[in-house]
Amino acid sequence: MKGLIISILFLSASLSHAGTYRWVDENGQTHFGDRPPQNVVTNEVRLKAAPPSVDAEALARKQRLNEFLQNSEKEREARSKVVAEQEAKAAKQKAYCEGLQARLKYLARVSGIYELNKEGERVFVTDEENERIRKEFKARVRKECGV
């Protein structure tokens, strides 16, 4: 009987923050409840609830989880930064290669290649030089752009 009463005390304390009342009925039975019955003398019982226990292992798990999440966020940001840099580098390389390919097409269309001398006059190169320049430029485009 005492165990039942103690269980009721702890159960009622954990379920509600309302007051707990004790009374004795006409048969001499002691009762506990969160609402006192009418026309009965009751006593309010003050219960001391045990403070919540601190689970050190749960706190350690939570801390490890938070650290893992923070590290994962940092790694994701670092990966996205690397990807963005790679994309920017690829875009720059693409633009560079497009310029080289346009220059290569231009060299294929023109009949003669010239250089400017000290006076700013055009000096056309020989046919052999023309072919050598075109081949070297084509090799450069292949090497740098994979075309």
C-alpha atoms as a PDB file:
ATOM      1  CA  MET A   1       0.000   0.000   0.000  1.00  0.00           C
ATOM      2  CA  LYS A   2       2.825   2.393   0.864  1.00  0.00           C
ATOM      3  CA  GLY A   3       4.453   1.625  -2.508  1.00  0.00           C
ATOM      4  CA  LEU A   4       1.226   2.502  -4.287  1.00  0.00           C
ATOM      5  CA  ILE A   5       0.941   5.781  -2.432  1.00  0.00           C
ATOM      6  CA  ILE A   6       4.555   6.675  -3.205  1.00  0.00           C
ATOM      7  CA  SER A   7       4.020   5.770  -6.862  1.00  0.00           C
ATOM      8  CA  ILE A   8       0.952   7.980  -6.982  1.00  0.00           C
ATOM      9  CA  LEU A   9       2.899  10.810  -5.408  1.00  0.00           C
ATOM     10  CA  PHE A  10       5.706  10.614  -7.953  1.00  0.00           C
ATOM     11  CA  LEU A  11       3.340  10.083 -10.869  1.00  0.00           C
ATOM     12  CA  SER A  12       1.179  13.021  -9.960  1.00  0.00           C
ATOM     13  CA  ALA A  13       4.223  15.228  -9.464  1.00  0.00           C
ATOM     14  CA  SER A  14       5.600  14.383 -12.866  1.00  0.00           C
ATOM     15  CA  LEU A  15       2.282  14.715 -14.707  1.00  0.00           C
ATOM     16  CA  SER A  16       1.209  18.070 -13.427  1.00  0.00           C
ATOM     17  CA  HIS A  17       2.506  21.136 -11.705  1.00  0.00           C
ATOM     18  CA  ALA A  18      -0.814  21.580  -9.958  1.00  0.00           C
ATOM     19  CA  GLY A  19      -1.011  21.062  -6.226  1.00  0.00           C
ATOM     20  CA  THR A  20      -1.368  17.598  -4.744  1.00  0.00           C
ATOM     21  CA  TYR A  21      -3.960  17.074  -2.039  1.00  0.00           C
ATOM     22  CA  ARG A  22      -4.303  14.404   0.616  1.00  0.00           C
ATOM     23  CA  TRP A  23      -7.508  13.471   2.395  1.00  0.00           C
ATOM     24  CA  VAL A  24      -8.963  10.646   4.393  1.00  0.00           C
ATOM     25  CA  ASP A  25     -12.397   9.300   3.479  1.00  0.00           C
ATOM     26  CA  GLU A  26     -15.100   8.060   5.910  1.00  0.00           C
ATOM     27  CA  ASN A  27     -13.614   4.539   5.827  1.00  0.00           C
ATOM     28  CA  GLY A  28     -10.222   5.815   6.974  1.00  0.00           C
ATOM     29  CA  GLN A  29      -8.575   5.359   3.582  1.00  0.00           C
ATOM     30  CA  THR A  30      -5.969   7.976   2.648  1.00  0.00           C
ATOM     31  CA  HIS A  31      -6.290   9.382  -0.867  1.00  0.00           C
ATOM     32  CA  PHE A  32      -4.191  11.686  -3.010  1.00  0.00           C
ATOM     33  CA  GLY A  33      -5.284  13.785  -5.969  1.00  0.00           C
ATOM     34  CA  ASP A  34      -4.738  16.978  -7.911  1.00  0.00           C
ATOM     35  CA  ARG A  35      -8.242  18.264  -7.067  1.00  0.00           C
ATOM     36  CA  PRO A  36      -9.648  18.130  -3.567  1.00  0.00           C
ATOM     37  CA  PRO A  37     -13.139  16.685  -3.201  1.00  0.00           C
ATOM     38  CA  GLN A  38     -15.882  18.934  -1.921  1.00  0.00           C
ATOM     39  CA  ASN A  39     -16.995  18.798   1.712  1.00  0.00           C
ATOM     40  CA  VAL A  40     -13.814  17.022   2.829  1.00  0.00           C
ATOM     41  CA  VAL A  41     -10.946  18.430   4.830  1.00  0.00           C
ATOM     42  CA  THR A  42      -7.798  18.249   2.704  1.00  0.00           C
ATOM     43  CA  ASN A  43      -4.150  18.990   3.197  1.00  0.00           C
ATOM     44  CA  GLU A  44      -1.995  20.228   0.364  1.00  0.00           C
ATOM     45  CA  VAL A  45       1.098  18.079  -0.005  1.00  0.00           C
ATOM     46  CA  ARG A  46       4.295  19.695  -1.190  1.00  0.00           C
ATOM     47  CA  LEU A  47       6.307  17.329  -3.330  1.00  0.00           C
ATOM     48  CA  LYS A  48       9.921  17.807  -4.079  1.00  0.00           C
ATOM     49  CA  ALA A  49      10.613  16.601  -7.564  1.00  0.00           C
ATOM     50  CA  ALA A  50      14.075  15.304  -8.175  1.00  0.00           C
ATOM     51  CA  PRO A  51      16.087  17.518 -10.496  1.00  0.00           C
ATOM     52  CA  PRO A  52      16.430  16.071 -13.960  1.00  0.00           C
ATOM     53  CA  SER A  53      19.478  13.911 -14.189  1.00  0.00           C
ATOM     54  CA  VAL A  54      22.240  15.067 -16.463  1.00  0.00           C
ATOM     55  CA  ASP A  55      23.307  12.294 -18.783  1.00  0.00           C
ATOM     56  CA  ALA A  56      26.971  12.960 -19.453  1.00  0.00           C
ATOM     57  CA  GLU A  57      27.048  10.470 -22.318  1.00  0.00           C
ATOM     58  CA  ALA A  58      24.061  12.154 -23.989  1.00  0.00           C
ATOM     59  CA  LEU A  59      25.746  15.547 -23.650  1.00  0.00           C
ATOM     60  CA  ALA A  60      28.945  14.133 -25.156  1.00  0.00           C
ATOM     61  CA  ARG A  61      26.979  12.617 -28.066  1.00  0.00           C
ATOM     62  CA  LYS A  62      25.218  15.915 -28.664  1.00  0.00           C
ATOM     63  CA  GLN A  63      28.531  17.784 -28.633  1.00  0.00           C
ATOM     64  CA  ARG A  64      30.094  15.274 -31.063  1.00  0.00           C
ATOM     65  CA  LEU A  65      27.054  15.591 -33.335  1.00  0.00           C
ATOM     66  CA  ASN A  66      27.316  19.404 -33.300  1.00  0.00           C
ATOM     67  CA  GLU A  67      31.036  19.222 -34.088  1.00  0.00           C
ATOM     68  CA  PHE A  68      30.345  16.768 -36.909  1.00  0.00           C
ATOM     69  CA  LEU A  69      27.672  19.049 -38.370  1.00  0.00           C
ATOM     70  CA  GLN A  70      29.956  22.084 -38.160  1.00  0.00           C
ATOM     71  CA  ASN A  71      32.822  20.196 -39.805  1.00  0.00           C
ATOM     72  CA  SER A  72      30.491  18.907 -42.505  1.00  0.00           C
ATOM     73  CA  GLU A  73      29.315  22.458 -43.200  1.00  0.00           C
ATOM     74  CA  LYS A  74      32.914  23.698 -43.454  1.00  0.00           C
ATOM     75  CA  GLU A  75      33.838  20.835 -45.789  1.00  0.00           C
ATOM     76  CA  ARG A  76      30.787  21.493 -47.982  1.00  0.00           C
ATOM     77  CA  GLU A  77      31.674  25.188 -48.203  1.00  0.00           C
ATOM     78  CA  ALA A  78      35.287  24.326 -49.067  1.00  0.00           C
ATOM     79  CA  ARG A  79      34.158  21.874 -51.768  1.00  0.00           C
ATOM     80  CA  SER A  80      31.740  24.383 -53.261  1.00  0.00           C
ATOM     81  CA  LYS A  81      34.500  27.011 -53.274  1.00  0.00           C
ATOM     82  CA  VAL A  82      36.846  24.606 -55.090  1.00  0.00           C
ATOM     83  CA  VAL A  83      34.121  23.739 -57.600  1.00  0.00           C
ATOM     84  CA  ALA A  84      33.416  27.431 -58.212  1.00  0.00           C
ATOM     85  CA  GLU A  85      37.117  28.104 -58.765  1.00  0.00           C
ATOM     86  CA  GLN A  86      37.364  25.157 -61.157  1.00  0.00           C
ATOM     87  CA  GLU A  87      34.316  26.374 -63.081  1.00  0.00           C
ATOM     88  CA  ALA A  88      35.778  29.884 -63.328  1.00  0.00           C
ATOM     89  CA  LYS A  89      39.102  28.475 -64.508  1.00  0.00           C
ATOM     90  CA  ALA A  90      37.331  26.276 -67.080  1.00  0.00           C
ATOM     91  CA  ALA A  91      35.319  29.254 -68.369  1.00  0.00           C
ATOM     92  CA  LYS A  92      38.499  31.328 -68.688  1.00  0.00           C
ATOM     93  CA  GLN A  93      40.253  28.473 -70.520  1.00  0.00           C
ATOM     94  CA  LYS A  94      37.264  28.057 -72.836  1.00  0.00           C
ATOM     95  CA  ALA A  95      37.289  31.754 -73.738  1.00  0.00           C
ATOM     96  CA  TYR A  96      41.051  31.601 -74.299  1.00  0.00           C
ATOM     97  CA  CYS A  97      40.702  28.561 -76.582  1.00  0.00           C
ATOM     98  CA  GLU A  98      37.876  30.154 -78.526  1.00  0.00           C
ATOM     99  CA  GLY A  99      40.159  33.130 -79.162  1.00  0.00           C
ATOM    100  CA  LEU A 100      42.980  30.842 -80.329  1.00  0.00           C
ATOM    101  CA  GLN A 101      40.649  28.919 -82.616  1.00  0.00           C
ATOM    102  CA  ALA A 102      39.328  32.151 -84.111  1.00  0.00           C
ATOM    103  CA  ARG A 103      42.913  33.254 -84.742  1.00  0.00           C
ATOM    104  CA  LEU A 104      43.667  29.863 -86.328  1.00  0.00           C
ATOM    105  CA  LYS A 105      40.701  30.233 -88.694  1.00  0.00           C
ATOM    106  CA  TYR A 106      41.876  33.708 -89.577  1.00  0.00           C
ATOM    107  CA  LEU A 107      45.377  32.430 -90.376  1.00  0.00           C
ATOM    108  CA  ALA A 108      43.881  29.750 -92.627  1.00  0.00           C
ATOM    109  CA  ARG A 109      41.896  32.370 -94.601  1.00  0.00           C
ATOM    110  CA  VAL A 110      44.575  34.974 -95.193  1.00  0.00           C
ATOM    111  CA  SER A 111      46.911  34.515 -98.118  1.00  0.00           C
ATOM    112  CA  GLY A 112      49.967  35.987 -96.499  1.00  0.00           C
ATOM    113  CA  ILE A 113      51.209  36.767 -93.043  1.00  0.00           C
ATOM    114  CA  TYR A 114      53.116  39.947 -92.390  1.00  0.00           C
ATOM    115  CA  GLU A 115      55.104  41.576 -89.645  1.00  0.00           C
ATOM    116  CA  LEU A 116      55.547  45.248 -88.955  1.00  0.00           C
ATOM    117  CA  ASN A 117      59.043  46.677 -89.275  1.00  0.00           C
ATOM    118  CA  LYS A 118      60.482  49.570 -87.230  1.00  0.00           C
ATOM    119  CA  GLU A 119      58.820  52.133 -89.467  1.00  0.00           C
ATOM    120  CA  GLY A 120      55.431  50.423 -89.067  1.00  0.00           C
ATOM    121  CA  GLU A 121      55.367  49.116 -92.624  1.00  0.00           C
ATOM    122  CA  ARG A 122      54.081  45.666 -93.499  1.00  0.00           C
ATOM    123  CA  VAL A 123      56.707  43.128 -94.410  1.00  0.00           C
ATOM    124  CA  PHE A 124      55.232  39.895 -95.766  1.00  0.00           C
ATOM    125  CA  VAL A 125      56.937  36.634 -94.804  1.00  0.00           C
ATOM    126  CA  THR A 126      57.938  33.983 -97.310  1.00  0.00           C
ATOM    127  CA  ASP A 127      55.682  31.056 -98.177  1.00  0.00           C
ATOM    128  CA  GLU A 128      57.875  28.713 -96.139  1.00  0.00           C
ATOM    129  CA  GLU A 129      57.623  31.031 -93.122  1.00  0.00           C
ATOM    130  CA  ASN A 130      53.881  31.276 -93.749  1.00  0.00           C
ATOM    131  CA  GLU A 131      53.512  27.467 -93.518  1.00  0.00           C
ATOM    132  CA  ARG A 132      55.810  27.210 -90.492  1.00  0.00           C
ATOM    133  CA  ILE A 133      53.855  29.890 -88.577  1.00  0.00           C
ATOM    134  CA  ARG A 134      50.534  28.210 -89.395  1.00  0.00           C
ATOM    135  CA  LYS A 135      51.804  24.757 -88.336  1.00  0.00           C
ATOM    136  CA  GLU A 136      53.286  26.088 -85.106  1.00  0.00           C
ATOM    137  CA  PHE A 137      50.104  27.941 -84.253  1.00  0.00           C
ATOM    138  CA  LYS A 138      47.970  24.888 -85.050  1.00  0.00           C
ATOM    139  CA  ALA A 139      50.219  22.749 -82.799  1.00  0.00           C
ATOM    140  CA  ARG A 140      49.878  25.352 -80.040  1.00  0.00           C
ATOM    141  CA  VAL A 141      46.082  25.283 -80.304  1.00  0.00           C
ATOM    142  CA  ARG A 142      46.095  21.464 -80.146  1.00  0.00           C
ATOM    143  CA  LYS A 143      48.411  21.454 -77.147  1.00  0.00           C
ATOM    144  CA  GLU A 144      46.634  24.150 -75.148  1.00  0.00           C
ATOM    145  CA  CYS A 145      43.055  23.382 -76.106  1.00  0.00           C
ATOM    146  CA  GLY A 146      43.060  19.719 -77.041  1.00  0.00           C
ATOM    147  CA  VAL A 147      41.600  20.455 -80.471  1.00  0.00           C
END
